[in-house]
N, C-alpha and C. Protein backbone atom coordinates (compact mmCIF):
# COMPACT_ATOMS: atom_id res chain seq x y z
N UNK A 1 -6.59 31.99 -31.08
CA UNK A 1 -7.40 32.36 -32.21
C UNK A 1 -7.90 33.79 -31.99
N UNK A 2 -7.77 34.58 -33.00
CA UNK A 2 -8.18 35.98 -32.90
C UNK A 2 -9.50 36.15 -33.64
N UNK A 3 -10.43 36.77 -32.96
CA UNK A 3 -11.75 36.98 -33.54
C UNK A 3 -12.02 38.49 -33.54
N UNK A 4 -12.53 38.99 -34.62
CA UNK A 4 -12.79 40.43 -34.73
C UNK A 4 -13.95 40.81 -33.83
N UNK A 5 -13.80 41.91 -33.11
CA UNK A 5 -14.87 42.37 -32.24
C UNK A 5 -15.87 43.20 -33.04
N UNK A 6 -16.99 43.54 -32.44
CA UNK A 6 -18.06 44.25 -33.14
C UNK A 6 -17.66 45.67 -33.49
N UNK A 7 -16.85 46.34 -32.65
CA UNK A 7 -16.49 47.72 -32.95
C UNK A 7 -15.29 47.80 -33.90
N UNK A 8 -14.68 46.72 -34.23
CA UNK A 8 -13.61 46.58 -35.20
C UNK A 8 -12.38 47.42 -34.88
N UNK A 9 -12.26 47.90 -33.64
CA UNK A 9 -11.07 48.66 -33.29
C UNK A 9 -9.98 47.75 -32.72
N UNK A 10 -10.37 46.85 -31.84
CA UNK A 10 -9.41 45.92 -31.23
C UNK A 10 -9.88 44.49 -31.45
N UNK A 11 -8.96 43.61 -31.80
CA UNK A 11 -9.37 42.21 -31.96
C UNK A 11 -9.68 41.58 -30.61
N UNK A 12 -10.64 40.70 -30.57
CA UNK A 12 -11.02 39.99 -29.35
C UNK A 12 -10.28 38.66 -29.34
N UNK A 13 -9.69 38.33 -28.24
CA UNK A 13 -8.93 37.09 -28.14
C UNK A 13 -9.82 36.02 -27.53
N UNK A 14 -9.97 34.93 -28.29
CA UNK A 14 -10.78 33.82 -27.81
C UNK A 14 -9.84 32.80 -27.19
N UNK A 15 -10.12 32.37 -25.98
CA UNK A 15 -9.26 31.42 -25.28
C UNK A 15 -9.46 30.02 -25.81
N UNK A 16 -8.32 29.35 -26.01
CA UNK A 16 -8.38 27.95 -26.39
C UNK A 16 -8.37 27.12 -25.12
N UNK A 17 -8.97 26.03 -25.17
CA UNK A 17 -8.97 25.15 -24.01
C UNK A 17 -9.91 23.99 -24.22
N UNK A 18 -9.90 23.09 -23.31
CA UNK A 18 -10.77 21.93 -23.39
C UNK A 18 -12.14 22.28 -22.85
N UNK A 19 -13.13 21.73 -23.47
CA UNK A 19 -14.48 21.91 -22.95
C UNK A 19 -14.67 20.98 -21.77
N UNK A 20 -15.35 21.45 -20.79
CA UNK A 20 -15.60 20.61 -19.63
C UNK A 20 -16.62 19.54 -19.97
N UNK A 21 -16.33 18.36 -19.54
CA UNK A 21 -17.22 17.23 -19.77
C UNK A 21 -18.06 16.99 -18.52
N UNK A 22 -18.89 17.96 -18.22
CA UNK A 22 -19.66 17.90 -16.97
C UNK A 22 -20.78 16.88 -17.04
N UNK A 23 -21.37 16.73 -18.19
CA UNK A 23 -22.54 15.86 -18.29
C UNK A 23 -22.19 14.40 -18.45
N UNK A 24 -20.95 14.09 -18.81
CA UNK A 24 -20.57 12.70 -19.02
C UNK A 24 -20.14 12.07 -17.70
N UNK A 25 -20.64 10.88 -17.40
CA UNK A 25 -20.22 10.23 -16.15
C UNK A 25 -18.79 9.71 -16.29
N UNK A 26 -18.08 9.72 -15.18
CA UNK A 26 -16.70 9.23 -15.17
C UNK A 26 -16.72 7.71 -15.29
N UNK A 27 -15.82 7.19 -16.10
CA UNK A 27 -15.74 5.75 -16.25
C UNK A 27 -14.92 5.22 -15.08
N UNK A 28 -15.58 4.45 -14.26
CA UNK A 28 -14.92 3.94 -13.07
C UNK A 28 -15.27 2.46 -12.96
N UNK A 29 -14.25 1.66 -12.82
CA UNK A 29 -14.47 0.23 -12.70
C UNK A 29 -14.74 -0.19 -11.28
N UNK A 30 -14.98 -1.44 -11.12
CA UNK A 30 -15.20 -2.01 -9.80
C UNK A 30 -13.84 -2.11 -9.10
N UNK A 31 -13.79 -1.76 -7.84
CA UNK A 31 -12.55 -1.77 -7.09
C UNK A 31 -12.35 -3.06 -6.31
N UNK A 32 -11.23 -3.14 -5.65
CA UNK A 32 -10.86 -4.32 -4.87
C UNK A 32 -11.90 -4.66 -3.82
N UNK A 33 -12.37 -3.66 -3.09
CA UNK A 33 -13.30 -3.93 -2.00
C UNK A 33 -14.69 -4.30 -2.51
N UNK A 34 -15.01 -3.90 -3.74
CA UNK A 34 -16.26 -4.36 -4.35
C UNK A 34 -16.19 -5.86 -4.65
N UNK A 35 -15.02 -6.31 -5.12
CA UNK A 35 -14.83 -7.74 -5.36
C UNK A 35 -14.93 -8.52 -4.05
N UNK A 36 -14.34 -7.98 -3.01
CA UNK A 36 -14.37 -8.65 -1.71
C UNK A 36 -15.80 -8.71 -1.16
N UNK A 37 -16.56 -7.65 -1.38
CA UNK A 37 -17.96 -7.64 -0.95
C UNK A 37 -18.74 -8.76 -1.65
N UNK A 38 -18.49 -8.94 -2.95
CA UNK A 38 -19.17 -10.01 -3.68
C UNK A 38 -18.75 -11.38 -3.18
N UNK A 39 -17.48 -11.52 -2.82
CA UNK A 39 -17.00 -12.82 -2.32
C UNK A 39 -17.57 -13.10 -0.94
N UNK A 40 -17.59 -12.09 -0.07
CA UNK A 40 -18.04 -12.29 1.31
C UNK A 40 -19.55 -12.38 1.44
N UNK A 41 -20.27 -11.54 0.72
CA UNK A 41 -21.71 -11.41 0.96
C UNK A 41 -22.59 -11.96 -0.17
N UNK A 42 -22.37 -11.49 -1.37
CA UNK A 42 -23.31 -11.78 -2.45
C UNK A 42 -23.11 -13.18 -3.02
N UNK A 43 -21.89 -13.54 -3.35
CA UNK A 43 -21.50 -14.87 -3.85
C UNK A 43 -22.31 -15.31 -5.06
N UNK A 44 -22.39 -14.46 -6.07
CA UNK A 44 -23.06 -14.78 -7.33
C UNK A 44 -22.13 -15.65 -8.18
N UNK A 45 -22.54 -16.86 -8.58
CA UNK A 45 -21.66 -17.73 -9.37
C UNK A 45 -21.29 -17.15 -10.75
N UNK A 46 -22.13 -16.28 -11.30
CA UNK A 46 -21.86 -15.69 -12.61
C UNK A 46 -21.19 -14.32 -12.52
N UNK A 47 -20.77 -13.94 -11.33
CA UNK A 47 -20.20 -12.61 -11.12
C UNK A 47 -18.98 -12.36 -12.00
N UNK A 48 -18.05 -13.28 -12.02
CA UNK A 48 -16.81 -13.05 -12.77
C UNK A 48 -17.07 -13.01 -14.28
N UNK A 49 -18.02 -13.79 -14.75
CA UNK A 49 -18.34 -13.80 -16.19
C UNK A 49 -18.91 -12.46 -16.64
N UNK A 50 -19.59 -11.77 -15.75
CA UNK A 50 -20.24 -10.51 -16.09
C UNK A 50 -19.34 -9.28 -15.93
N UNK A 51 -18.10 -9.46 -15.51
CA UNK A 51 -17.20 -8.33 -15.32
C UNK A 51 -16.67 -7.83 -16.66
N UNK A 52 -16.46 -6.53 -16.75
CA UNK A 52 -15.83 -5.95 -17.94
C UNK A 52 -14.33 -6.15 -17.85
N UNK A 53 -13.63 -5.86 -18.94
CA UNK A 53 -12.17 -6.00 -18.92
C UNK A 53 -11.54 -5.07 -17.89
N UNK A 54 -12.10 -3.87 -17.74
CA UNK A 54 -11.60 -2.92 -16.75
C UNK A 54 -11.78 -3.47 -15.33
N UNK A 55 -12.92 -4.10 -15.09
CA UNK A 55 -13.19 -4.67 -13.77
C UNK A 55 -12.30 -5.87 -13.49
N UNK A 56 -12.01 -6.65 -14.50
CA UNK A 56 -11.16 -7.83 -14.32
C UNK A 56 -9.72 -7.46 -13.96
N UNK A 57 -9.28 -6.26 -14.38
CA UNK A 57 -7.92 -5.81 -14.05
C UNK A 57 -7.76 -5.59 -12.55
N UNK A 58 -8.82 -5.20 -11.87
CA UNK A 58 -8.72 -4.94 -10.43
C UNK A 58 -8.92 -6.22 -9.60
N UNK A 59 -9.17 -7.34 -10.26
CA UNK A 59 -9.35 -8.61 -9.56
C UNK A 59 -7.97 -9.23 -9.32
N UNK A 60 -7.28 -8.73 -8.31
CA UNK A 60 -5.92 -9.14 -7.97
C UNK A 60 -5.99 -10.24 -6.91
N UNK A 61 -5.54 -11.44 -7.28
CA UNK A 61 -5.64 -12.60 -6.37
C UNK A 61 -4.94 -12.33 -5.04
N UNK A 62 -3.73 -11.82 -5.08
CA UNK A 62 -2.96 -11.60 -3.86
C UNK A 62 -3.67 -10.63 -2.92
N UNK A 63 -4.13 -9.50 -3.46
CA UNK A 63 -4.77 -8.49 -2.62
C UNK A 63 -6.11 -8.99 -2.07
N UNK A 64 -6.82 -9.78 -2.86
CA UNK A 64 -8.09 -10.34 -2.38
C UNK A 64 -7.83 -11.29 -1.22
N UNK A 65 -6.82 -12.14 -1.36
CA UNK A 65 -6.49 -13.06 -0.26
C UNK A 65 -6.01 -12.30 0.97
N UNK A 66 -5.26 -11.24 0.75
CA UNK A 66 -4.78 -10.43 1.89
C UNK A 66 -5.96 -9.82 2.64
N UNK A 67 -6.93 -9.29 1.89
CA UNK A 67 -8.09 -8.68 2.54
C UNK A 67 -8.95 -9.72 3.24
N UNK A 68 -9.12 -10.88 2.63
CA UNK A 68 -9.93 -11.93 3.25
C UNK A 68 -9.25 -12.51 4.49
N UNK A 69 -7.93 -12.45 4.54
CA UNK A 69 -7.21 -13.00 5.69
C UNK A 69 -7.34 -12.13 6.93
N UNK A 70 -7.94 -10.95 6.82
CA UNK A 70 -8.17 -10.11 8.00
C UNK A 70 -9.23 -10.71 8.91
N UNK A 71 -10.02 -11.64 8.37
CA UNK A 71 -11.01 -12.36 9.18
C UNK A 71 -10.29 -13.53 9.84
N UNK A 72 -10.15 -13.53 11.17
CA UNK A 72 -9.39 -14.59 11.86
C UNK A 72 -9.98 -15.99 11.64
N UNK A 73 -11.27 -16.09 11.42
CA UNK A 73 -11.89 -17.40 11.22
C UNK A 73 -11.48 -18.03 9.89
N UNK A 74 -11.11 -17.22 8.92
CA UNK A 74 -10.74 -17.72 7.60
C UNK A 74 -9.24 -17.86 7.39
N UNK A 75 -8.46 -17.48 8.37
CA UNK A 75 -7.01 -17.39 8.21
C UNK A 75 -6.37 -18.71 7.76
N UNK A 76 -6.76 -19.83 8.35
CA UNK A 76 -6.17 -21.12 7.98
C UNK A 76 -6.47 -21.48 6.53
N UNK A 77 -7.71 -21.28 6.11
CA UNK A 77 -8.09 -21.60 4.74
C UNK A 77 -7.39 -20.70 3.73
N UNK A 78 -7.31 -19.42 4.06
CA UNK A 78 -6.67 -18.46 3.15
C UNK A 78 -5.17 -18.74 3.05
N UNK A 79 -4.55 -19.09 4.17
CA UNK A 79 -3.11 -19.37 4.13
C UNK A 79 -2.79 -20.57 3.25
N UNK A 80 -3.68 -21.55 3.19
CA UNK A 80 -3.44 -22.69 2.31
C UNK A 80 -3.61 -22.30 0.84
N UNK A 81 -4.43 -21.30 0.55
CA UNK A 81 -4.62 -20.83 -0.84
C UNK A 81 -3.45 -19.98 -1.33
N UNK A 82 -2.67 -19.40 -0.43
CA UNK A 82 -1.56 -18.54 -0.84
C UNK A 82 -0.55 -19.28 -1.71
N UNK A 83 -0.43 -20.57 -1.53
CA UNK A 83 0.52 -21.34 -2.35
C UNK A 83 0.10 -21.41 -3.81
N UNK A 84 -1.20 -21.32 -4.07
CA UNK A 84 -1.72 -21.57 -5.41
C UNK A 84 -2.35 -20.35 -6.08
N UNK A 85 -2.34 -19.18 -5.43
CA UNK A 85 -3.10 -18.05 -5.95
C UNK A 85 -2.63 -17.60 -7.33
N UNK A 86 -1.36 -17.78 -7.66
CA UNK A 86 -0.87 -17.33 -8.96
C UNK A 86 -1.02 -18.39 -10.05
N UNK A 87 -1.38 -19.60 -9.68
CA UNK A 87 -1.50 -20.70 -10.64
C UNK A 87 -2.94 -20.93 -11.11
N UNK A 88 -3.91 -20.43 -10.36
CA UNK A 88 -5.33 -20.67 -10.66
C UNK A 88 -5.86 -19.51 -11.51
N UNK A 89 -6.52 -19.79 -12.64
CA UNK A 89 -7.13 -18.71 -13.44
C UNK A 89 -8.23 -18.00 -12.64
N UNK A 90 -8.44 -16.74 -12.95
CA UNK A 90 -9.36 -15.91 -12.17
C UNK A 90 -10.79 -16.45 -12.06
N UNK A 91 -11.42 -16.95 -13.15
CA UNK A 91 -12.80 -17.45 -12.97
C UNK A 91 -12.87 -18.62 -11.99
N UNK A 92 -11.92 -19.55 -12.05
CA UNK A 92 -11.90 -20.68 -11.13
C UNK A 92 -11.52 -20.23 -9.72
N UNK A 93 -10.66 -19.21 -9.63
CA UNK A 93 -10.26 -18.68 -8.33
C UNK A 93 -11.48 -18.10 -7.61
N UNK A 94 -12.30 -17.35 -8.35
CA UNK A 94 -13.52 -16.78 -7.76
C UNK A 94 -14.46 -17.89 -7.30
N UNK A 95 -14.65 -18.90 -8.14
CA UNK A 95 -15.53 -20.02 -7.78
C UNK A 95 -15.00 -20.74 -6.53
N UNK A 96 -13.69 -20.91 -6.45
CA UNK A 96 -13.08 -21.56 -5.29
C UNK A 96 -13.34 -20.73 -4.03
N UNK A 97 -13.18 -19.41 -4.14
CA UNK A 97 -13.39 -18.55 -2.97
C UNK A 97 -14.84 -18.57 -2.48
N UNK A 98 -15.80 -18.48 -3.41
CA UNK A 98 -17.20 -18.47 -2.94
C UNK A 98 -17.62 -19.83 -2.41
N UNK A 99 -16.95 -20.90 -2.86
CA UNK A 99 -17.23 -22.22 -2.32
C UNK A 99 -16.59 -22.42 -0.95
N UNK A 100 -15.47 -21.77 -0.72
CA UNK A 100 -14.71 -21.94 0.52
C UNK A 100 -15.20 -21.01 1.64
N UNK A 101 -15.58 -19.81 1.29
CA UNK A 101 -15.91 -18.79 2.29
C UNK A 101 -17.41 -18.75 2.52
N UNK A 102 -17.84 -18.92 3.76
CA UNK A 102 -19.29 -18.85 4.04
C UNK A 102 -19.79 -17.41 3.88
N UNK A 103 -21.06 -17.25 3.49
CA UNK A 103 -21.61 -15.89 3.36
C UNK A 103 -21.57 -15.16 4.70
N UNK A 104 -21.26 -13.89 4.64
CA UNK A 104 -21.10 -13.05 5.83
C UNK A 104 -22.40 -12.32 6.10
N UNK A 105 -23.36 -12.96 6.76
CA UNK A 105 -24.63 -12.31 7.07
C UNK A 105 -24.80 -12.32 8.58
N UNK A 106 -25.01 -11.27 9.28
CA UNK A 106 -24.94 -9.90 8.79
C UNK A 106 -23.50 -9.51 8.48
N UNK A 107 -23.37 -8.50 7.65
CA UNK A 107 -22.05 -8.07 7.20
C UNK A 107 -21.22 -7.60 8.39
N UNK A 108 -20.00 -8.07 8.47
CA UNK A 108 -19.10 -7.70 9.56
C UNK A 108 -17.95 -6.87 9.00
N UNK A 109 -17.33 -6.10 9.87
CA UNK A 109 -16.21 -5.25 9.48
C UNK A 109 -14.91 -5.88 9.95
N UNK A 110 -13.97 -6.04 9.03
CA UNK A 110 -12.65 -6.55 9.36
C UNK A 110 -11.64 -5.50 8.94
N UNK A 111 -10.97 -4.86 9.90
CA UNK A 111 -10.08 -3.75 9.56
C UNK A 111 -8.86 -4.21 8.77
N UNK A 112 -8.39 -3.33 7.89
CA UNK A 112 -7.20 -3.58 7.09
C UNK A 112 -6.00 -3.28 7.98
N UNK A 113 -5.14 -4.25 8.20
CA UNK A 113 -3.99 -4.08 9.07
C UNK A 113 -2.84 -3.53 8.25
N UNK A 114 -2.32 -2.38 8.67
CA UNK A 114 -1.26 -1.72 7.93
C UNK A 114 0.10 -2.13 8.49
N UNK A 115 1.11 -2.01 7.65
CA UNK A 115 2.48 -2.33 8.06
C UNK A 115 2.97 -1.30 9.07
N UNK A 116 3.83 -1.75 9.97
CA UNK A 116 4.40 -0.85 10.95
C UNK A 116 5.47 0.01 10.30
N UNK A 117 5.59 1.23 10.79
CA UNK A 117 6.62 2.12 10.27
C UNK A 117 7.97 1.69 10.84
N UNK A 118 9.01 1.97 10.08
CA UNK A 118 10.35 1.61 10.49
C UNK A 118 10.75 2.45 11.70
N UNK A 119 11.17 1.82 12.80
CA UNK A 119 11.45 2.58 14.02
C UNK A 119 12.75 3.37 13.98
N UNK A 120 13.66 3.04 13.06
CA UNK A 120 14.96 3.70 12.99
C UNK A 120 15.12 4.36 11.63
N UNK A 121 15.90 5.42 11.61
CA UNK A 121 16.14 6.11 10.34
C UNK A 121 17.01 5.24 9.43
N UNK A 122 16.88 5.46 8.14
CA UNK A 122 17.67 4.71 7.17
C UNK A 122 19.16 5.00 7.34
N UNK A 123 19.48 6.24 7.71
CA UNK A 123 20.89 6.61 7.88
C UNK A 123 21.51 5.83 9.05
N UNK A 124 20.77 5.67 10.14
CA UNK A 124 21.27 4.90 11.28
C UNK A 124 21.45 3.44 10.88
N UNK A 125 20.49 2.90 10.15
CA UNK A 125 20.62 1.52 9.69
C UNK A 125 21.83 1.34 8.78
N UNK A 126 22.06 2.29 7.89
CA UNK A 126 23.21 2.20 7.00
C UNK A 126 24.52 2.28 7.76
N UNK A 127 24.60 3.21 8.72
CA UNK A 127 25.82 3.33 9.51
C UNK A 127 26.11 2.05 10.30
N UNK A 128 25.08 1.51 10.92
CA UNK A 128 25.27 0.29 11.72
C UNK A 128 25.56 -0.93 10.84
N UNK A 129 24.92 -1.02 9.68
CA UNK A 129 25.20 -2.15 8.80
C UNK A 129 26.62 -2.05 8.27
N UNK A 130 27.11 -0.82 8.05
CA UNK A 130 28.50 -0.64 7.61
C UNK A 130 29.46 -0.98 8.74
N UNK A 131 29.15 -0.52 9.94
CA UNK A 131 30.04 -0.77 11.09
C UNK A 131 30.13 -2.26 11.41
N UNK A 132 28.98 -2.93 11.50
CA UNK A 132 28.97 -4.34 11.86
C UNK A 132 29.15 -5.27 10.65
N UNK A 133 29.20 -4.67 9.44
CA UNK A 133 29.36 -5.42 8.19
C UNK A 133 28.29 -6.50 8.05
N UNK A 134 27.03 -6.06 8.20
CA UNK A 134 25.89 -6.96 8.09
C UNK A 134 24.82 -6.32 7.21
N UNK A 135 23.72 -7.01 7.05
CA UNK A 135 22.59 -6.47 6.30
C UNK A 135 21.87 -5.43 7.16
N UNK A 136 21.00 -4.66 6.52
CA UNK A 136 20.23 -3.66 7.26
C UNK A 136 19.27 -4.33 8.24
N UNK A 137 18.77 -5.50 7.87
CA UNK A 137 17.86 -6.21 8.77
C UNK A 137 18.58 -6.61 10.07
N UNK A 138 19.78 -7.16 9.93
CA UNK A 138 20.55 -7.53 11.13
C UNK A 138 20.97 -6.28 11.90
N UNK A 139 21.32 -5.21 11.18
CA UNK A 139 21.68 -3.96 11.85
C UNK A 139 20.51 -3.44 12.67
N UNK A 140 19.29 -3.58 12.15
CA UNK A 140 18.10 -3.18 12.90
C UNK A 140 17.94 -3.98 14.18
N UNK A 141 18.26 -5.27 14.12
CA UNK A 141 18.19 -6.11 15.32
C UNK A 141 19.25 -5.67 16.33
N UNK A 142 20.46 -5.33 15.85
CA UNK A 142 21.51 -4.85 16.75
C UNK A 142 21.08 -3.54 17.41
N UNK A 143 20.48 -2.65 16.63
CA UNK A 143 20.03 -1.36 17.18
C UNK A 143 18.96 -1.59 18.24
N UNK A 144 18.06 -2.53 18.00
CA UNK A 144 17.02 -2.85 18.98
C UNK A 144 17.64 -3.35 20.28
N UNK A 145 18.62 -4.24 20.15
CA UNK A 145 19.30 -4.76 21.35
C UNK A 145 20.05 -3.66 22.08
N UNK A 146 20.78 -2.83 21.35
CA UNK A 146 21.54 -1.77 22.00
C UNK A 146 20.62 -0.73 22.62
N UNK A 147 19.49 -0.47 22.01
CA UNK A 147 18.57 0.56 22.52
C UNK A 147 17.80 0.11 23.76
N UNK A 148 17.87 -1.16 24.09
CA UNK A 148 17.09 -1.66 25.22
C UNK A 148 17.68 -1.26 26.58
N UNK A 149 18.95 -0.86 26.62
CA UNK A 149 19.56 -0.44 27.89
C UNK A 149 20.19 0.94 27.72
N UNK A 150 20.39 1.62 28.82
CA UNK A 150 21.02 2.95 28.78
C UNK A 150 22.48 2.84 28.33
N UNK A 151 23.18 1.82 28.79
CA UNK A 151 24.57 1.62 28.38
C UNK A 151 24.64 1.35 26.87
N UNK A 152 23.70 0.59 26.37
CA UNK A 152 23.66 0.30 24.94
C UNK A 152 23.37 1.54 24.11
N UNK A 153 22.46 2.41 24.62
CA UNK A 153 22.17 3.66 23.91
C UNK A 153 23.40 4.54 23.83
N UNK A 154 24.14 4.59 24.94
CA UNK A 154 25.38 5.39 24.96
C UNK A 154 26.39 4.83 23.96
N UNK A 155 26.51 3.52 23.91
CA UNK A 155 27.44 2.88 22.97
C UNK A 155 27.01 3.14 21.52
N UNK A 156 25.72 3.12 21.29
CA UNK A 156 25.19 3.39 19.95
C UNK A 156 25.50 4.83 19.53
N UNK A 157 25.35 5.77 20.46
CA UNK A 157 25.70 7.17 20.17
C UNK A 157 27.18 7.30 19.87
N UNK A 158 28.02 6.60 20.63
CA UNK A 158 29.46 6.65 20.40
C UNK A 158 29.83 6.08 19.02
N UNK A 159 29.14 5.01 18.62
CA UNK A 159 29.40 4.43 17.30
C UNK A 159 29.04 5.42 16.19
N UNK A 160 27.92 6.11 16.36
CA UNK A 160 27.50 7.10 15.36
C UNK A 160 28.45 8.29 15.37
N UNK A 161 28.88 8.70 16.55
CA UNK A 161 29.82 9.83 16.68
C UNK A 161 31.14 9.50 16.00
N UNK A 162 31.54 8.25 15.97
CA UNK A 162 32.80 7.83 15.35
C UNK A 162 32.80 8.10 13.84
N UNK A 163 31.62 8.25 13.26
CA UNK A 163 31.52 8.57 11.83
C UNK A 163 31.60 10.06 11.57
N UNK A 164 31.86 10.88 12.61
CA UNK A 164 32.09 12.31 12.44
C UNK A 164 30.83 13.16 12.36
N UNK A 165 29.75 12.69 12.93
CA UNK A 165 28.51 13.46 12.91
C UNK A 165 28.45 14.40 14.11
N UNK A 166 27.76 15.53 13.94
CA UNK A 166 27.61 16.49 15.03
C UNK A 166 26.55 15.98 16.01
N UNK A 167 26.51 16.61 17.18
CA UNK A 167 25.53 16.21 18.19
C UNK A 167 24.10 16.39 17.69
N UNK A 168 23.86 17.46 16.92
CA UNK A 168 22.53 17.71 16.38
C UNK A 168 22.14 16.60 15.39
N UNK A 169 23.07 16.20 14.53
CA UNK A 169 22.81 15.13 13.58
C UNK A 169 22.60 13.80 14.29
N UNK A 170 23.39 13.56 15.33
CA UNK A 170 23.25 12.32 16.11
C UNK A 170 21.86 12.26 16.76
N UNK A 171 21.44 13.39 17.34
CA UNK A 171 20.13 13.42 17.97
C UNK A 171 19.03 13.16 16.95
N UNK A 172 19.16 13.76 15.77
CA UNK A 172 18.17 13.58 14.71
C UNK A 172 18.12 12.12 14.26
N UNK A 173 19.27 11.51 14.08
CA UNK A 173 19.34 10.11 13.63
C UNK A 173 18.79 9.17 14.70
N UNK A 174 19.12 9.41 15.94
CA UNK A 174 18.71 8.53 17.03
C UNK A 174 17.19 8.59 17.27
N UNK A 175 16.59 9.76 17.00
CA UNK A 175 15.15 9.89 17.17
C UNK A 175 14.38 9.36 15.99
N UNK A 176 15.09 9.02 14.93
CA UNK A 176 14.43 8.48 13.75
C UNK A 176 13.96 9.54 12.79
N UNK A 177 14.35 10.79 13.01
CA UNK A 177 13.96 11.88 12.11
C UNK A 177 15.07 12.06 11.08
N UNK A 178 14.64 12.15 9.82
CA UNK A 178 15.60 12.38 8.76
C UNK A 178 15.21 13.63 8.00
N UNK A 179 16.21 14.36 7.55
CA UNK A 179 15.94 15.50 6.69
C UNK A 179 15.65 14.98 5.31
N UNK A 180 14.48 15.35 4.78
CA UNK A 180 14.12 14.89 3.44
C UNK A 180 14.71 15.83 2.43
N UNK A 181 15.39 15.26 1.46
CA UNK A 181 16.05 16.06 0.45
C UNK A 181 15.42 15.85 -0.88
């Protein structure tokens, strides 16, 4: 948009853009760990009824059970609920959880256990699954067995070399480093 300036010699250019919404609070719903806090500590029977639609979207049965299973004392009870978590409606699921899980007073910390990283590169798994004509999972087991001895490591290198890879590529694959493309 062009706006005339006061001296009328050159037009002033007004920038278009969005106005900053600094004064408005960000709309943020309740997260997974807030739900878990209510299940472990607060245990309000009317909690689920008072949730907004946005908050109900984050009430994921599977993830809640996964987080609650980090407590070793609850593991047996949670594992029995895994069979039914997708069949029970959310309000009844919440009621079941607060009835099953004792209040956590004082509040304890249960760390979130993360998945282990894959020890072998995808390229090595593909080469071995092609060579042995098996799945990648079985190829991973073969690689683990071969890597356990020096003779096995040498044989594994020879198998990879048979596919025409250079020594630098073999070293990269064997160390689990892949070039990201």
